[in-house]
């Protein structure tokens, strides 16, 4: 199970990678593995400002439909449109081509509330 050290993780199994005040958000390898084959991802919050913990979309897999939660407050700038035709990218490359949304951070200090790779590894044990 892959848990990259350069990312932060939420208890809802989302990861976040920041580039200054812009962040990419996706679901973890652990989450996609538990969901199984992902068949559809719905994000209708592009352009909206959301609070930390707000739902920003849904992921539909063969096994279940799960809500996706924003690990930090911000404005949803973009949905990864490649996922419209290839939602399985989340299964194949959850930390790369399988990113879900791009967000402009409202409060970068909230990143400090998230787990590093070691803490997340312990959390999922």
C-alpha atoms as a PDB file:
ATOM      1  CA  UNK A   1       0.000   0.000   0.000  1.00  0.00           C
ATOM      2  CA  UNK A   2       1.466   3.308  -1.095  1.00  0.00           C
ATOM      3  CA  UNK A   3       1.534   6.297   1.313  1.00  0.00           C
ATOM      4  CA  UNK A   4       3.730   9.048  -0.190  1.00  0.00           C
ATOM      5  CA  UNK A   5       5.652  11.136   2.345  1.00  0.00           C
ATOM      6  CA  UNK A   6       5.142  14.444   0.500  1.00  0.00           C
ATOM      7  CA  UNK A   7       1.363  14.485   1.085  1.00  0.00           C
ATOM      8  CA  UNK A   8      -0.976  15.203   3.988  1.00  0.00           C
ATOM      9  CA  UNK A   9      -3.884  12.904   4.859  1.00  0.00           C
ATOM     10  CA  UNK A  10      -7.337  13.250   6.412  1.00  0.00           C
ATOM     11  CA  UNK A  11      -9.247  10.796   8.587  1.00  0.00           C
ATOM     12  CA  UNK A  12     -11.734  10.554   5.688  1.00  0.00           C
ATOM     13  CA  UNK A  13      -8.939   9.054   3.524  1.00  0.00           C
ATOM     14  CA  UNK A  14      -8.386  12.073   1.286  1.00  0.00           C
ATOM     15  CA  UNK A  15      -4.860  13.235   0.475  1.00  0.00           C
ATOM     16  CA  UNK A  16      -3.732  16.768  -0.290  1.00  0.00           C
ATOM     17  CA  UNK A  17      -0.658  18.087  -2.103  1.00  0.00           C
ATOM     18  CA  UNK A  18       0.025  21.815  -2.030  1.00  0.00           C
ATOM     19  CA  UNK A  19       1.806  24.136  -4.434  1.00  0.00           C
ATOM     20  CA  UNK A  20       1.832  27.505  -2.634  1.00  0.00           C
ATOM     21  CA  UNK A  21      -1.865  28.401  -2.075  1.00  0.00           C
ATOM     22  CA  UNK A  22      -3.195  25.808  -4.559  1.00  0.00           C
ATOM     23  CA  UNK A  23      -3.865  22.222  -3.504  1.00  0.00           C
ATOM     24  CA  UNK A  24      -4.651  18.993  -5.310  1.00  0.00           C
ATOM     25  CA  UNK A  25      -7.003  16.597  -3.504  1.00  0.00           C
ATOM     26  CA  UNK A  26      -7.651  12.915  -4.119  1.00  0.00           C
ATOM     27  CA  UNK A  27      -8.456   9.715  -2.277  1.00  0.00           C
ATOM     28  CA  UNK A  28      -5.776   7.488  -0.824  1.00  0.00           C
ATOM     29  CA  UNK A  29      -4.560   4.162  -2.134  1.00  0.00           C
ATOM     30  CA  UNK A  30      -6.156   2.610   0.973  1.00  0.00           C
ATOM     31  CA  UNK A  31      -9.542   4.181   0.145  1.00  0.00           C
ATOM     32  CA  UNK A  32      -9.553   3.182  -3.530  1.00  0.00           C
ATOM     33  CA  UNK A  33      -8.502  -0.342  -2.571  1.00  0.00           C
ATOM     34  CA  UNK A  34     -11.406  -0.661  -0.114  1.00  0.00           C
ATOM     35  CA  UNK A  35     -13.892   0.767  -2.620  1.00  0.00           C
ATOM     36  CA  UNK A  36     -12.919  -1.559  -5.450  1.00  0.00           C
ATOM     37  CA  UNK A  37     -13.388  -0.676  -9.113  1.00  0.00           C
ATOM     38  CA  UNK A  38     -14.392   2.986  -9.402  1.00  0.00           C
ATOM     39  CA  UNK A  39     -16.995   3.531 -12.115  1.00  0.00           C
ATOM     40  CA  UNK A  40     -18.058   7.180 -11.683  1.00  0.00           C
ATOM     41  CA  UNK A  41     -16.990  10.353  -9.893  1.00  0.00           C
ATOM     42  CA  UNK A  42     -19.346  13.293  -9.446  1.00  0.00           C
ATOM     43  CA  UNK A  43     -18.101  16.755  -8.493  1.00  0.00           C
ATOM     44  CA  UNK A  44     -20.590  19.610  -8.864  1.00  0.00           C
ATOM     45  CA  UNK A  45     -18.853  22.081  -6.549  1.00  0.00           C
ATOM     46  CA  UNK A  46     -16.444  23.758  -9.007  1.00  0.00           C
ATOM     47  CA  UNK A  47     -16.530  27.508  -8.316  1.00  0.00           C
ATOM     48  CA  UNK A  48     -17.872  27.059  -4.779  1.00  0.00           C
ATOM     49  CA  UNK A  49     -16.153  28.014  -1.538  1.00  0.00           C
ATOM     50  CA  UNK A  50     -16.370  25.164   0.944  1.00  0.00           C
ATOM     51  CA  UNK A  51     -15.416  24.738   4.576  1.00  0.00           C
ATOM     52  CA  UNK A  52     -13.098  22.072   5.911  1.00  0.00           C
ATOM     53  CA  UNK A  53     -15.057  18.819   6.133  1.00  0.00           C
ATOM     54  CA  UNK A  54     -17.728  19.804   3.587  1.00  0.00           C
ATOM     55  CA  UNK A  55     -18.670  17.231   0.952  1.00  0.00           C
ATOM     56  CA  UNK A  56     -17.338  18.204  -2.480  1.00  0.00           C
ATOM     57  CA  UNK A  57     -18.574  15.216  -4.470  1.00  0.00           C
ATOM     58  CA  UNK A  58     -19.197  11.475  -4.620  1.00  0.00           C
ATOM     59  CA  UNK A  59     -17.257   8.466  -5.789  1.00  0.00           C
ATOM     60  CA  UNK A  60     -19.207   5.490  -7.092  1.00  0.00           C
ATOM     61  CA  UNK A  61     -17.600   2.074  -7.091  1.00  0.00           C
ATOM     62  CA  UNK A  62     -18.902  -1.401  -7.776  1.00  0.00           C
ATOM     63  CA  UNK A  63     -19.197  -1.947  -3.997  1.00  0.00           C
ATOM     64  CA  UNK A  64     -20.529   1.408  -2.750  1.00  0.00           C
ATOM     65  CA  UNK A  65     -21.115   5.130  -3.227  1.00  0.00           C
ATOM     66  CA  UNK A  66     -19.132   7.351  -0.846  1.00  0.00           C
ATOM     67  CA  UNK A  67     -19.111  11.092  -0.244  1.00  0.00           C
ATOM     68  CA  UNK A  68     -15.844  12.968  -0.711  1.00  0.00           C
ATOM     69  CA  UNK A  69     -14.854  15.497   1.959  1.00  0.00           C
ATOM     70  CA  UNK A  70     -12.611  18.528   1.629  1.00  0.00           C
ATOM     71  CA  UNK A  71      -9.680  18.227   4.089  1.00  0.00           C
ATOM     72  CA  UNK A  72      -9.216  22.033   4.231  1.00  0.00           C
ATOM     73  CA  UNK A  73     -11.355  25.087   3.468  1.00  0.00           C
ATOM     74  CA  UNK A  74     -11.086  26.609   0.019  1.00  0.00           C
ATOM     75  CA  UNK A  75     -12.569  27.337  -3.368  1.00  0.00           C
ATOM     76  CA  UNK A  76     -12.908  24.388  -5.732  1.00  0.00           C
ATOM     77  CA  UNK A  77     -11.155  25.594  -8.887  1.00  0.00           C
ATOM     78  CA  UNK A  78     -11.173  22.542 -11.097  1.00  0.00           C
ATOM     79  CA  UNK A  79     -12.329  18.938 -11.439  1.00  0.00           C
ATOM     80  CA  UNK A  80      -9.945  16.474 -13.097  1.00  0.00           C
ATOM     81  CA  UNK A  81     -11.863  16.058 -16.372  1.00  0.00           C
ATOM     82  CA  UNK A  82      -9.828  12.981 -17.345  1.00  0.00           C
ATOM     83  CA  UNK A  83     -11.892  11.131 -14.731  1.00  0.00           C
ATOM     84  CA  UNK A  84     -15.110  11.657 -16.714  1.00  0.00           C
ATOM     85  CA  UNK A  85     -13.967   9.127 -19.321  1.00  0.00           C
ATOM     86  CA  UNK A  86     -11.529   7.179 -17.118  1.00  0.00           C
ATOM     87  CA  UNK A  87     -12.674   7.086 -13.466  1.00  0.00           C
ATOM     88  CA  UNK A  88     -10.471   4.008 -13.044  1.00  0.00           C
ATOM     89  CA  UNK A  89      -7.434   6.340 -13.024  1.00  0.00           C
ATOM     90  CA  UNK A  90      -8.188   6.700  -9.304  1.00  0.00           C
ATOM     91  CA  UNK A  91      -7.627   2.939  -8.928  1.00  0.00           C
ATOM     92  CA  UNK A  92      -4.556   2.860 -11.175  1.00  0.00           C
ATOM     93  CA  UNK A  93      -2.784   6.052 -10.028  1.00  0.00           C
ATOM     94  CA  UNK A  94      -4.527   7.552  -6.947  1.00  0.00           C
ATOM     95  CA  UNK A  95      -1.678   9.988  -6.169  1.00  0.00           C
ATOM     96  CA  UNK A  96      -0.934  11.052  -9.740  1.00  0.00           C
ATOM     97  CA  UNK A  97      -3.326  11.102 -12.699  1.00  0.00           C
ATOM     98  CA  UNK A  98      -6.176  10.090 -10.366  1.00  0.00           C
ATOM     99  CA  UNK A  99      -6.321  13.431  -8.495  1.00  0.00           C
ATOM    100  CA  UNK A 100      -9.900  14.668  -8.071  1.00  0.00           C
ATOM    101  CA  UNK A 101      -9.991  18.444  -7.587  1.00  0.00           C
ATOM    102  CA  UNK A 102      -7.795  21.539  -7.469  1.00  0.00           C
ATOM    103  CA  UNK A 103      -8.528  23.983  -4.625  1.00  0.00           C
ATOM    104  CA  UNK A 104      -7.438  27.518  -3.715  1.00  0.00           C
ATOM    105  CA  UNK A 105      -6.714  27.339   0.023  1.00  0.00           C
ATOM    106  CA  UNK A 106      -8.628  29.700   2.315  1.00  0.00           C
ATOM    107  CA  UNK A 107      -6.617  28.902   5.441  1.00  0.00           C
ATOM    108  CA  UNK A 108      -3.270  27.146   4.834  1.00  0.00           C
ATOM    109  CA  UNK A 109      -2.832  26.724   8.609  1.00  0.00           C
ATOM    110  CA  UNK A 110      -5.477  23.961   8.440  1.00  0.00           C
ATOM    111  CA  UNK A 111      -2.848  21.768   6.754  1.00  0.00           C
ATOM    112  CA  UNK A 112      -1.235  21.431  10.185  1.00  0.00           C
ATOM    113  CA  UNK A 113      -4.329  19.532  11.390  1.00  0.00           C
ATOM    114  CA  UNK A 114      -3.773  16.746   8.836  1.00  0.00           C
ATOM    115  CA  UNK A 115      -1.662  13.610   9.217  1.00  0.00           C
ATOM    116  CA  UNK A 116       1.712  12.947   7.687  1.00  0.00           C
ATOM    117  CA  UNK A 117       2.451   9.608   5.999  1.00  0.00           C
ATOM    118  CA  UNK A 118       3.627   7.880   9.187  1.00  0.00           C
ATOM    119  CA  UNK A 119       0.579   8.967  11.211  1.00  0.00           C
ATOM    120  CA  UNK A 120      -1.764   7.965   8.368  1.00  0.00           C
ATOM    121  CA  UNK A 121      -0.075   4.561   8.119  1.00  0.00           C
ATOM    122  CA  UNK A 122      -0.724   4.017  11.841  1.00  0.00           C
ATOM    123  CA  UNK A 123      -4.308   5.320  11.455  1.00  0.00           C
ATOM    124  CA  UNK A 124      -5.242   2.703   8.840  1.00  0.00           C
ATOM    125  CA  UNK A 125      -3.739  -0.254  10.756  1.00  0.00           C
END
